[in-house]
C-alpha atoms as a PDB file:
ATOM      1  CA  MET A   1     101.932  78.581  69.890  1.00  0.00           C
ATOM      2  CA  THR A   2     104.574  80.641  71.985  1.00  0.00           C
ATOM      3  CA  GLY A   3     105.513  80.508  75.446  1.00  0.00           C
ATOM      4  CA  LYS A   4     102.829  82.886  76.063  1.00  0.00           C
ATOM      5  CA  GLN A   5      99.933  82.127  78.425  1.00  0.00           C
ATOM      6  CA  ILE A   6      96.840  80.911  76.158  1.00  0.00           C
ATOM      7  CA  LEU A   7      93.785  82.935  76.012  1.00  0.00           C
ATOM      8  CA  THR A   8      90.917  80.901  74.629  1.00  0.00           C
ATOM      9  CA  VAL A   9      88.427  83.314  73.041  1.00  0.00           C
ATOM     10  CA  PHE A  10      84.858  82.320  72.338  1.00  0.00           C
ATOM     11  CA  GLY A  11      82.765  84.504  69.693  1.00  0.00           C
ATOM     12  CA  ALA A  12      86.079  85.111  68.120  1.00  0.00           C
ATOM     13  CA  THR A  13      84.822  85.833  64.552  1.00  0.00           C
ATOM     14  CA  GLY A  14      82.039  88.052  66.260  1.00  0.00           C
ATOM     15  CA  GLN A  15      82.160  91.598  67.967  1.00  0.00           C
ATOM     16  CA  GLN A  16      82.929  91.123  71.619  1.00  0.00           C
ATOM     17  CA  GLY A  17      85.161  88.147  70.628  1.00  0.00           C
ATOM     18  CA  GLY A  18      87.033  89.507  67.749  1.00  0.00           C
ATOM     19  CA  ALA A  19      87.660  92.686  69.815  1.00  0.00           C
ATOM     20  CA  LEU A  20      89.319  90.840  72.424  1.00  0.00           C
ATOM     21  CA  VAL A  21      91.382  89.099  69.877  1.00  0.00           C
ATOM     22  CA  ARG A  22      92.623  92.404  68.067  1.00  0.00           C
ATOM     23  CA  ALA A  23      93.444  93.734  71.477  1.00  0.00           C
ATOM     24  CA  ALA A  24      95.648  90.945  72.737  1.00  0.00           C
ATOM     25  CA  LEU A  25      97.402  90.335  69.127  1.00  0.00           C
ATOM     26  CA  ALA A  26      97.763  94.255  68.836  1.00  0.00           C
ATOM     27  CA  LYS A  27     100.486  93.756  71.846  1.00  0.00           C
ATOM     28  CA  GLY A  28     102.775  91.972  69.328  1.00  0.00           C
ATOM     29  CA  GLU A  29     105.612  90.327  70.833  1.00  0.00           C
ATOM     30  CA  GLY A  30     105.633  91.962  74.279  1.00  0.00           C
ATOM     31  CA  GLY A  31     101.790  91.149  74.796  1.00  0.00           C
ATOM     32  CA  GLN A  32     101.446  88.490  77.717  1.00  0.00           C
ATOM     33  CA  PHE A  33      98.653  86.263  75.800  1.00  0.00           C
ATOM     34  CA  ALA A  34      98.740  84.029  72.729  1.00  0.00           C
ATOM     35  CA  VAL A  35      95.121  83.760  71.349  1.00  0.00           C
ATOM     36  CA  ARG A  36      93.473  80.572  70.640  1.00  0.00           C
ATOM     37  CA  ALA A  37      90.333  81.820  68.747  1.00  0.00           C
ATOM     38  CA  VAL A  38      87.261  79.762  68.702  1.00  0.00           C
ATOM     39  CA  THR A  39      85.028  79.240  65.836  1.00  0.00           C
ATOM     40  CA  ARG A  40      82.102  76.970  64.452  1.00  0.00           C
ATOM     41  CA  ASN A  41      83.865  77.528  60.882  1.00  0.00           C
ATOM     42  CA  PRO A  42      87.723  77.701  60.727  1.00  0.00           C
ATOM     43  CA  ARG A  43      87.372  78.128  57.112  1.00  0.00           C
ATOM     44  CA  SER A  44      85.346  81.087  57.122  1.00  0.00           C
ATOM     45  CA  ASP A  45      86.942  84.644  55.704  1.00  0.00           C
ATOM     46  CA  ARG A  46      87.141  85.975  59.457  1.00  0.00           C
ATOM     47  CA  ALA A  47      88.403  82.739  60.755  1.00  0.00           C
ATOM     48  CA  ARG A  48      91.178  82.992  58.438  1.00  0.00           C
ATOM     49  CA  GLU A  49      92.018  86.720  58.920  1.00  0.00           C
ATOM     50  CA  LEU A  50      92.383  85.877  62.559  1.00  0.00           C
ATOM     51  CA  THR A  51      94.854  83.360  61.496  1.00  0.00           C
ATOM     52  CA  ARG A  52      96.884  85.817  59.390  1.00  0.00           C
ATOM     53  CA  LEU A  53      96.624  88.273  62.379  1.00  0.00           C
ATOM     54  CA  GLY A  54      98.574  85.464  64.477  1.00  0.00           C
ATOM     55  CA  ALA A  55      95.824  83.602  66.156  1.00  0.00           C
ATOM     56  CA  GLU A  56      95.529  79.870  66.491  1.00  0.00           C
ATOM     57  CA  VAL A  57      92.226  79.225  65.195  1.00  0.00           C
ATOM     58  CA  VAL A  58      90.316  76.131  66.369  1.00  0.00           C
ATOM     59  CA  GLN A  59      86.834  74.565  65.879  1.00  0.00           C
ATOM     60  CA  ALA A  60      84.040  74.229  68.618  1.00  0.00           C
ATOM     61  CA  ASP A  61      80.400  73.996  68.770  1.00  0.00           C
ATOM     62  CA  MET A  62      78.461  75.487  71.556  1.00  0.00           C
ATOM     63  CA  ASP A  63      76.269  72.449  71.741  1.00  0.00           C
ATOM     64  CA  ASP A  64      79.277  70.308  71.755  1.00  0.00           C
ATOM     65  CA  GLU A  65      80.573  70.423  75.300  1.00  0.00           C
ATOM     66  CA  GLU A  66      83.538  67.974  74.585  1.00  0.00           C
ATOM     67  CA  SER A  67      84.689  70.713  71.655  1.00  0.00           C
ATOM     68  CA  LEU A  68      84.262  73.314  74.484  1.00  0.00           C
ATOM     69  CA  THR A  69      86.533  71.682  76.758  1.00  0.00           C
ATOM     70  CA  ALA A  70      89.114  70.717  74.219  1.00  0.00           C
ATOM     71  CA  ALA A  71      89.396  74.203  73.009  1.00  0.00           C
ATOM     72  CA  MET A  72      90.341  75.277  76.553  1.00  0.00           C
ATOM     73  CA  GLU A  73      92.590  72.458  77.521  1.00  0.00           C
ATOM     74  CA  GLY A  74      96.017  74.157  78.369  1.00  0.00           C
ATOM     75  CA  ALA A  75      94.642  77.706  78.200  1.00  0.00           C
ATOM     76  CA  TYR A  76      95.533  79.789  81.134  1.00  0.00           C
ATOM     77  CA  GLY A  77      92.208  82.170  80.716  1.00  0.00           C
ATOM     78  CA  ALA A  78      89.056  82.187  78.511  1.00  0.00           C
ATOM     79  CA  PHE A  79      86.762  84.654  77.420  1.00  0.00           C
ATOM     80  CA  LEU A  80      83.093  82.957  77.595  1.00  0.00           C
ATOM     81  CA  MET A  81      79.895  84.172  75.785  1.00  0.00           C
ATOM     82  CA  THR A  82      76.595  82.994  74.383  1.00  0.00           C
ATOM     83  CA  ASP A  83      74.496  84.327  71.415  1.00  0.00           C
ATOM     84  CA  PHE A  84      70.878  84.897  72.293  1.00  0.00           C
ATOM     85  CA  TRP A  85      70.025  86.108  68.974  1.00  0.00           C
ATOM     86  CA  GLU A  86      71.020  82.837  67.092  1.00  0.00           C
ATOM     87  CA  ASP A  87      67.651  81.411  68.062  1.00  0.00           C
ATOM     88  CA  MET A  88      66.364  83.823  70.621  1.00  0.00           C
ATOM     89  CA  SER A  89      65.749  81.155  73.373  1.00  0.00           C
ATOM     90  CA  ALA A  90      66.799  81.997  77.160  1.00  0.00           C
ATOM     91  CA  GLU A  91      66.803  78.067  78.079  1.00  0.00           C
ATOM     92  CA  HIS A  92      69.007  77.331  74.985  1.00  0.00           C
ATOM     93  CA  GLU A  93      71.171  80.268  76.151  1.00  0.00           C
ATOM     94  CA  LYS A  94      71.328  78.963  79.718  1.00  0.00           C
ATOM     95  CA  ALA A  95      72.326  75.462  78.643  1.00  0.00           C
ATOM     96  CA  GLN A  96      75.065  76.730  76.397  1.00  0.00           C
ATOM     97  CA  ALA A  97      76.321  78.934  79.448  1.00  0.00           C
ATOM     98  CA  ALA A  98      76.137  75.720  81.692  1.00  0.00           C
ATOM     99  CA  ALA A  99      78.225  73.837  79.040  1.00  0.00           C
ATOM    100  CA  LEU A 100      80.919  76.445  78.879  1.00  0.00           C
ATOM    101  CA  ALA A 101      81.017  76.407  82.706  1.00  0.00           C
ATOM    102  CA  ARG A 102      81.398  72.638  83.005  1.00  0.00           C
ATOM    103  CA  ALA A 103      84.042  72.601  80.193  1.00  0.00           C
ATOM    104  CA  ALA A 104      86.076  75.490  81.672  1.00  0.00           C
ATOM    105  CA  GLY A 105      85.805  73.542  85.044  1.00  0.00           C
ATOM    106  CA  HIS A 106      87.169  70.061  83.415  1.00  0.00           C
ATOM    107  CA  ALA A 107      89.666  72.122  81.532  1.00  0.00           C
ATOM    108  CA  GLY A 108      91.221  73.730  84.595  1.00  0.00           C
ATOM    109  CA  VAL A 109      91.129  77.389  83.198  1.00  0.00           C
ATOM    110  CA  GLN A 110      92.791  79.715  85.815  1.00  0.00           C
ATOM    111  CA  HIS A 111      90.514  82.853  84.846  1.00  0.00           C
ATOM    112  CA  ALA A 112      87.374  82.945  82.987  1.00  0.00           C
ATOM    113  CA  ILE A 113      85.602  86.219  81.879  1.00  0.00           C
ATOM    114  CA  TRP A 114      81.805  85.460  81.419  1.00  0.00           C
ATOM    115  CA  SER A 115      80.071  88.001  79.297  1.00  0.00           C
ATOM    116  CA  THR A 116      77.134  88.804  81.257  1.00  0.00           C
ATOM    117  CA  LEU A 117      74.330  91.353  81.762  1.00  0.00           C
ATOM    118  CA  ASP A 118      72.073  92.541  84.681  1.00  0.00           C
ATOM    119  CA  ASP A 119      69.059  90.764  85.751  1.00  0.00           C
ATOM    120  CA  THR A 120      66.353  93.221  84.768  1.00  0.00           C
ATOM    121  CA  ARG A 121      63.709  91.435  87.086  1.00  0.00           C
ATOM    122  CA  GLU A 122      65.548  93.123  90.362  1.00  0.00           C
ATOM    123  CA  CYS A 123      64.447  96.334  89.112  1.00  0.00           C
ATOM    124  CA  ILE A 124      61.143  95.347  87.241  1.00  0.00           C
ATOM    125  CA  PRO A 125      59.485  91.921  88.988  1.00  0.00           C
ATOM    126  CA  LEU A 126      57.822  89.473  87.031  1.00  0.00           C
ATOM    127  CA  ASP A 127      54.348  90.548  88.367  1.00  0.00           C
ATOM    128  CA  ASP A 128      55.224  94.125  87.511  1.00  0.00           C
ATOM    129  CA  ASP A 129      52.869  94.637  84.441  1.00  0.00           C
ATOM    130  CA  ARG A 130      54.727  97.569  83.014  1.00  0.00           C
ATOM    131  CA  MET A 131      56.024  95.241  80.501  1.00  0.00           C
ATOM    132  CA  PRO A 132      55.143  91.886  79.182  1.00  0.00           C
ATOM    133  CA  THR A 133      56.624  88.775  80.644  1.00  0.00           C
ATOM    134  CA  LEU A 134      58.387  86.696  77.913  1.00  0.00           C
ATOM    135  CA  GLN A 135      59.309  83.212  77.337  1.00  0.00           C
ATOM    136  CA  GLY A 136      57.495  82.377  80.678  1.00  0.00           C
ATOM    137  CA  SER A 137      59.852  83.864  83.316  1.00  0.00           C
ATOM    138  CA  TYR A 138      61.696  86.642  81.976  1.00  0.00           C
ATOM    139  CA  LYS A 139      61.449  90.470  81.510  1.00  0.00           C
ATOM    140  CA  VAL A 140      64.373  90.655  79.093  1.00  0.00           C
ATOM    141  CA  PRO A 141      65.274  87.169  78.217  1.00  0.00           C
ATOM    142  CA  HIS A 142      68.793  87.862  76.699  1.00  0.00           C
ATOM    143  CA  PHE A 143      69.532  89.902  79.822  1.00  0.00           C
ATOM    144  CA  ASP A 144      67.771  87.780  82.392  1.00  0.00           C
ATOM    145  CA  ALA A 145      69.295  84.155  80.947  1.00  0.00           C
ATOM    146  CA  LYS A 146      73.033  85.657  81.192  1.00  0.00           C
ATOM    147  CA  ALA A 147      72.368  86.782  84.500  1.00  0.00           C
ATOM    148  CA  GLU A 148      70.851  83.633  85.795  1.00  0.00           C
ATOM    149  CA  ALA A 149      73.866  81.870  84.597  1.00  0.00           C
ATOM    150  CA  ASP A 150      76.557  83.756  86.518  1.00  0.00           C
ATOM    151  CA  HIS A 151      76.094  81.221  89.047  1.00  0.00           C
ATOM    152  CA  TYR A 152      77.218  78.059  87.107  1.00  0.00           C
ATOM    153  CA  PHE A 153      80.737  79.238  86.761  1.00  0.00           C
ATOM    154  CA  THR A 154      80.919  79.756  90.564  1.00  0.00           C
ATOM    155  CA  ASP A 155      79.267  76.424  91.098  1.00  0.00           C
ATOM    156  CA  ALA A 156      81.660  74.680  88.635  1.00  0.00           C
ATOM    157  CA  GLY A 157      84.699  76.099  90.504  1.00  0.00           C
ATOM    158  CA  VAL A 158      85.672  78.330  87.664  1.00  0.00           C
ATOM    159  CA  PRO A 159      87.665  81.568  88.861  1.00  0.00           C
ATOM    160  CA  THR A 160      85.376  83.956  87.081  1.00  0.00           C
ATOM    161  CA  THR A 161      85.135  87.840  86.136  1.00  0.00           C
ATOM    162  CA  PHE A 162      81.553  88.759  85.400  1.00  0.00           C
ATOM    163  CA  LEU A 163      81.859  91.365  82.718  1.00  0.00           C
ATOM    164  CA  ARG A 164      78.487  93.003  82.602  1.00  0.00           C
ATOM    165  CA  LEU A 165      77.983  94.844  79.357  1.00  0.00           C
ATOM    166  CA  THR A 166      75.477  97.279  77.852  1.00  0.00           C
ATOM    167  CA  TYR A 167      74.280  98.473  74.299  1.00  0.00           C
ATOM    168  CA  PHE A 168      76.741  98.629  71.469  1.00  0.00           C
ATOM    169  CA  TRP A 169      77.126 101.533  69.661  1.00  0.00           C
ATOM    170  CA  GLU A 170      77.580  99.308  66.389  1.00  0.00           C
ATOM    171  CA  ASN A 171      74.052  98.743  66.862  1.00  0.00           C
ATOM    172  CA  LEU A 172      73.445 102.147  64.945  1.00  0.00           C
ATOM    173  CA  LEU A 173      75.014 100.261  62.023  1.00  0.00           C
ATOM    174  CA  GLY A 174      72.481  97.467  62.020  1.00  0.00           C
ATOM    175  CA  ALA A 175      69.649  96.616  63.682  1.00  0.00           C
ATOM    176  CA  PHE A 176      68.819  99.984  65.450  1.00  0.00           C
ATOM    177  CA  ALA A 177      70.518 102.206  62.575  1.00  0.00           C
ATOM    178  CA  PRO A 178      68.777 105.605  61.643  1.00  0.00           C
ATOM    179  CA  GLN A 179      65.924 105.214  59.213  1.00  0.00           C
ATOM    180  CA  ARG A 180      65.088 107.629  56.531  1.00  0.00           C
ATOM    181  CA  ALA A 181      61.615 109.371  57.249  1.00  0.00           C
ATOM    182  CA  GLU A 182      59.445 110.502  54.390  1.00  0.00           C
ATOM    183  CA  ASP A 183      60.967 114.178  54.477  1.00  0.00           C
ATOM    184  CA  GLY A 184      64.372 112.721  53.529  1.00  0.00           C
ATOM    185  CA  ALA A 185      65.812 113.113  57.395  1.00  0.00           C
ATOM    186  CA  TYR A 186      66.621 110.109  59.458  1.00  0.00           C
ATOM    187  CA  GLU A 187      65.219 109.154  62.884  1.00  0.00           C
ATOM    188  CA  LEU A 188      66.544 107.257  65.692  1.00  0.00           C
ATOM    189  CA  THR A 189      63.042 105.487  66.955  1.00  0.00           C
ATOM    190  CA  TYR A 190      63.650 104.225  70.321  1.00  0.00           C
ATOM    191  CA  PRO A 191      61.288 104.078  73.600  1.00  0.00           C
ATOM    192  CA  MET A 192      63.638 105.904  75.702  1.00  0.00           C
ATOM    193  CA  GLY A 193      61.934 108.994  76.664  1.00  0.00           C
ATOM    194  CA  ASP A 194      64.373 111.499  77.855  1.00  0.00           C
ATOM    195  CA  LYS A 195      66.221 108.877  79.694  1.00  0.00           C
ATOM    196  CA  ARG A 196      69.962 108.418  79.265  1.00  0.00           C
ATOM    197  CA  LEU A 197      71.046 105.035  77.256  1.00  0.00           C
ATOM    198  CA  SER A 198      74.787 103.706  78.337  1.00  0.00           C
ATOM    199  CA  GLY A 199      76.463 102.679  75.115  1.00  0.00           C
ATOM    200  CA  ILE A 200      79.962 101.394  74.342  1.00  0.00           C
ATOM    201  CA  GLY A 201      81.828 100.663  71.522  1.00  0.00           C
ATOM    202  CA  VAL A 202      82.954  97.087  70.917  1.00  0.00           C
ATOM    203  CA  ASP A 203      86.686  97.863  70.663  1.00  0.00           C
ATOM    204  CA  ASP A 204      86.644  99.126  74.296  1.00  0.00           C
ATOM    205  CA  ILE A 205      85.001  95.735  75.466  1.00  0.00           C
ATOM    206  CA  GLY A 206      88.125  94.217  73.990  1.00  0.00           C
ATOM    207  CA  ARG A 207      90.550  96.101  75.771  1.00  0.00           C
ATOM    208  CA  THR A 208      88.791  96.041  79.126  1.00  0.00           C
ATOM    209  CA  ALA A 209      88.663  92.389  78.929  1.00  0.00           C
ATOM    210  CA  LEU A 210      92.246  92.314  77.969  1.00  0.00           C
ATOM    211  CA  ALA A 211      93.018  94.640  81.083  1.00  0.00           C
ATOM    212  CA  VAL A 212      90.888  92.223  83.435  1.00  0.00           C
ATOM    213  CA  PHE A 213      93.172  89.311  82.428  1.00  0.00           C
ATOM    214  CA  GLU A 214      96.286  91.284  82.641  1.00  0.00           C
ATOM    215  CA  ARG A 215      95.552  92.079  86.139  1.00  0.00           C
ATOM    216  CA  GLY A 216      95.752  88.629  87.109  1.00  0.00           C
ATOM    217  CA  THR A 217      93.605  87.622  90.102  1.00  0.00           C
ATOM    218  CA  ASP A 218      92.590  91.127  91.060  1.00  0.00           C
ATOM    219  CA  PHE A 219      89.154  90.675  89.332  1.00  0.00           C
ATOM    220  CA  ILE A 220      88.356  86.838  90.038  1.00  0.00           C
ATOM    221  CA  GLY A 221      85.041  86.775  91.518  1.00  0.00           C
ATOM    222  CA  ALA A 222      84.121  90.689  91.018  1.00  0.00           C
ATOM    223  CA  THR A 223      81.548  91.902  88.720  1.00  0.00           C
ATOM    224  CA  VAL A 224      82.882  94.673  86.270  1.00  0.00           C
ATOM    225  CA  SER A 225      79.858  96.822  84.820  1.00  0.00           C
ATOM    226  CA  ILE A 226      81.235  98.821  81.788  1.00  0.00           C
ATOM    227  CA  ALA A 227      80.106 101.478  79.551  1.00  0.00           C
ATOM    228  CA  GLY A 228      81.573 104.326  77.369  1.00  0.00           C
ATOM    229  CA  GLU A 229      78.965 107.089  77.815  1.00  0.00           C
ATOM    230  CA  HIS A 230      75.505 107.609  79.224  1.00  0.00           C
ATOM    231  CA  LEU A 231      73.572 109.586  76.773  1.00  0.00           C
ATOM    232  CA  ARG A 232      70.033 110.830  75.934  1.00  0.00           C
ATOM    233  CA  VAL A 233      69.108 109.517  72.698  1.00  0.00           C
ATOM    234  CA  ALA A 234      68.065 113.011  71.412  1.00  0.00           C
ATOM    235  CA  ASP A 235      71.869 113.862  71.952  1.00  0.00           C
ATOM    236  CA  MET A 236      72.832 110.784  70.200  1.00  0.00           C
ATOM    237  CA  ALA A 237      70.784 112.078  67.119  1.00  0.00           C
ATOM    238  CA  ALA A 238      72.235 115.618  67.410  1.00  0.00           C
ATOM    239  CA  ALA A 239      76.042 114.036  67.607  1.00  0.00           C
ATOM    240  CA  LEU A 240      75.010 112.008  64.610  1.00  0.00           C
ATOM    241  CA  SER A 241      73.955 115.025  62.676  1.00  0.00           C
ATOM    242  CA  GLU A 242      76.918 117.115  63.776  1.00  0.00           C
ATOM    243  CA  ALA A 243      79.584 114.260  62.778  1.00  0.00           C
ATOM    244  CA  LEU A 244      78.156 112.702  59.794  1.00  0.00           C
ATOM    245  CA  GLY A 245      76.620 115.778  57.943  1.00  0.00           C
ATOM    246  CA  LYS A 246      72.883 114.378  57.786  1.00  0.00           C
ATOM    247  CA  THR A 247      69.722 115.403  59.416  1.00  0.00           C
ATOM    248  CA  VAL A 248      69.236 112.882  62.482  1.00  0.00           C
ATOM    249  CA  ARG A 249      66.496 113.304  64.707  1.00  0.00           C
ATOM    250  CA  TYR A 250      64.952 111.307  67.814  1.00  0.00           C
ATOM    251  CA  ARG A 251      61.522 110.014  67.384  1.00  0.00           C
ATOM    252  CA  PRO A 252      60.547 108.660  70.793  1.00  0.00           C
ATOM    253  CA  LEU A 253      57.832 105.993  70.951  1.00  0.00           C
ATOM    254  CA  SER A 254      56.055 104.592  73.813  1.00  0.00           C
ATOM    255  CA  PRO A 255      57.213 100.849  74.746  1.00  0.00           C
ATOM    256  CA  ASP A 256      53.995  99.386  73.740  1.00  0.00           C
ATOM    257  CA  ALA A 257      54.128 101.278  70.343  1.00  0.00           C
ATOM    258  CA  PHE A 258      57.759 100.089  69.705  1.00  0.00           C
ATOM    259  CA  ARG A 259      56.631  96.295  70.646  1.00  0.00           C
ATOM    260  CA  ALA A 260      53.763  96.638  68.355  1.00  0.00           C
ATOM    261  CA  GLN A 261      56.180  97.241  65.498  1.00  0.00           C
ATOM    262  CA  GLY A 262      56.030  93.418  65.089  1.00  0.00           C
ATOM    263  CA  PHE A 263      59.566  92.915  63.654  1.00  0.00           C
ATOM    264  CA  PRO A 264      61.283  89.672  64.720  1.00  0.00           C
ATOM    265  CA  GLY A 265      62.500  90.471  68.407  1.00  0.00           C
ATOM    266  CA  ALA A 266      60.267  93.599  68.876  1.00  0.00           C
ATOM    267  CA  ASP A 267      58.704  92.501  72.231  1.00  0.00           C
ATOM    268  CA  GLU A 268      62.444  91.644  73.470  1.00  0.00           C
ATOM    269  CA  SER A 269      64.111  94.711  72.228  1.00  0.00           C
ATOM    270  CA  GLY A 270      61.210  96.980  73.497  1.00  0.00           C
ATOM    271  CA  ASN A 271      61.351  95.504  76.923  1.00  0.00           C
ATOM    272  CA  MET A 272      65.254  96.005  76.964  1.00  0.00           C
ATOM    273  CA  PHE A 273      64.958  99.676  75.911  1.00  0.00           C
ATOM    274  CA  GLN A 274      62.082 100.038  78.627  1.00  0.00           C
ATOM    275  CA  PHE A 275      64.291  98.418  81.139  1.00  0.00           C
ATOM    276  CA  TYR A 276      67.230 100.882  80.146  1.00  0.00           C
ATOM    277  CA  ALA A 277      64.831 103.960  80.746  1.00  0.00           C
ATOM    278  CA  ASP A 278      62.762 102.888  83.772  1.00  0.00           C
ATOM    279  CA  CYS A 279      65.939 101.723  85.518  1.00  0.00           C
ATOM    280  CA  GLU A 280      68.122 104.571  84.414  1.00  0.00           C
ATOM    281  CA  GLU A 281      69.589 105.615  87.690  1.00  0.00           C
ATOM    282  CA  ARG A 282      70.306 102.009  88.789  1.00  0.00           C
ATOM    283  CA  PHE A 283      71.993 101.013  85.428  1.00  0.00           C
ATOM    284  CA  THR A 284      74.182 103.830  85.148  1.00  0.00           C
ATOM    285  CA  ALA A 285      75.137 104.130  88.341  1.00  0.00           C
ATOM    286  CA  ALA A 286      76.959 100.720  87.982  1.00  0.00           C
ATOM    287  CA  ARG A 287      79.044 101.752  85.310  1.00  0.00           C
ATOM    288  CA  ASP A 288      81.467 104.046  86.517  1.00  0.00           C
ATOM    289  CA  LEU A 289      83.065 105.641  83.472  1.00  0.00           C
ATOM    290  CA  ASP A 290      86.224 106.730  85.541  1.00  0.00           C
ATOM    291  CA  ALA A 291      86.564 103.045  86.735  1.00  0.00           C
ATOM    292  CA  VAL A 292      86.184 101.647  83.216  1.00  0.00           C
ATOM    293  CA  ARG A 293      88.532 104.196  81.895  1.00  0.00           C
ATOM    294  CA  ALA A 294      91.341 103.114  84.702  1.00  0.00           C
ATOM    295  CA  LEU A 295      91.258  99.618  82.891  1.00  0.00           C
ATOM    296  CA  ASP A 296      90.975 101.130  79.187  1.00  0.00           C
ATOM    297  CA  PRO A 297      92.681 104.360  79.114  1.00  0.00           C
ATOM    298  CA  ALA A 298      91.960 104.736  75.490  1.00  0.00           C
ATOM    299  CA  LEU A 299      87.673 104.361  76.261  1.00  0.00           C
ATOM    300  CA  GLN A 300      85.802 106.088  73.490  1.00  0.00           C
ATOM    301  CA  ASP A 301      82.897 108.492  74.345  1.00  0.00           C
ATOM    302  CA  PHE A 302      80.210 108.574  71.596  1.00  0.00           C
ATOM    303  CA  ALA A 303      81.982 111.580  69.761  1.00  0.00           C
ATOM    304  CA  THR A 304      85.170 109.516  69.464  1.00  0.00           C
ATOM    305  CA  TRP A 305      83.247 106.286  68.318  1.00  0.00           C
ATOM    306  CA  LEU A 306      81.510 108.537  65.776  1.00  0.00           C
ATOM    307  CA  ALA A 307      84.569 109.774  64.399  1.00  0.00           C
ATOM    308  CA  GLY A 308      85.972 106.210  64.057  1.00  0.00           C
ATOM    309  CA  HIS A 309      82.950 104.785  62.199  1.00  0.00           C
ATOM    310  CA  ARG A 310      81.840 107.622  59.924  1.00  0.00           C
ATOM    311  CA  ASP A 311      82.455 105.794  56.687  1.00  0.00           C
ATOM    312  CA  ALA A 312      80.570 102.833  58.008  1.00  0.00           C
ATOM    313  CA  PHE A 313      77.131 104.297  58.244  1.00  0.00           C
ATOM    314  CA  ASP A 314      74.456 103.151  55.363  1.00  0.00           C
ATOM    315  CA  TRP A 315      72.529 106.184  54.100  1.00  0.00           C
ATOM    316  CA  SER A 316      70.577 104.305  51.551  1.00  0.00           C
END
């Protein structure tokens, strides 16, 4: 490594971590940080690409705490995240978060960013039957487990910024992509009614996280909630139609109908979208776009993100 301060980045071959790696390395020789990219498989194509870009790639496993500590030894900062969707277990995700917190404390990390989400139960309590309770004690497990894990980092004495994310627009290229209807048009089928969905492009997550690290101690102990734009799904569909030259319309479902589709994670995703809708004012108010843009002057709105991803959509 160089004489720069080291950032250890977990999830480096995925979306969030990969965006931070790219943002830090894009600074070139003038950048403040060298990147230590963490992956389970340093021989993967994505890991090799990170090496080519100038990162130090190291191996660690989220279920092996010693490997987590080793990955953070000597690092100034660490970007810490877990992936609920690997096995969709909130308890497993919390165990991994606790291991990350202990490892960061043992390694003496001076500034951690914990990629987290809002606790949905503050808006929709467990005894509220608007939506089912999942996995025993959660409304939206991948939100609530991360929120519950926040205290692990402060308990471990880790100087931490809590970076609260939102819906990734990249989901439109995958799990929540427009689907072809019988008439040949495409549909966004979400249970959002006419409420706004806060979204963000993953590159902006990386740039925002890098800005937080670059500001030193300014955001230690703070919660930074981010988004790129708050849009009604009908307006997202209209923007897709205009930008991509396809007919895309919004087909709203009730939350119960969405959950009843039965695909893996349908209950989880249905609850998530219902939370976004039912708690719209609270959620969007926490994400001041001007404040996010102060950290990330290149913050993309939805139209800008679409222009950059026009060729990534699969219309088959």
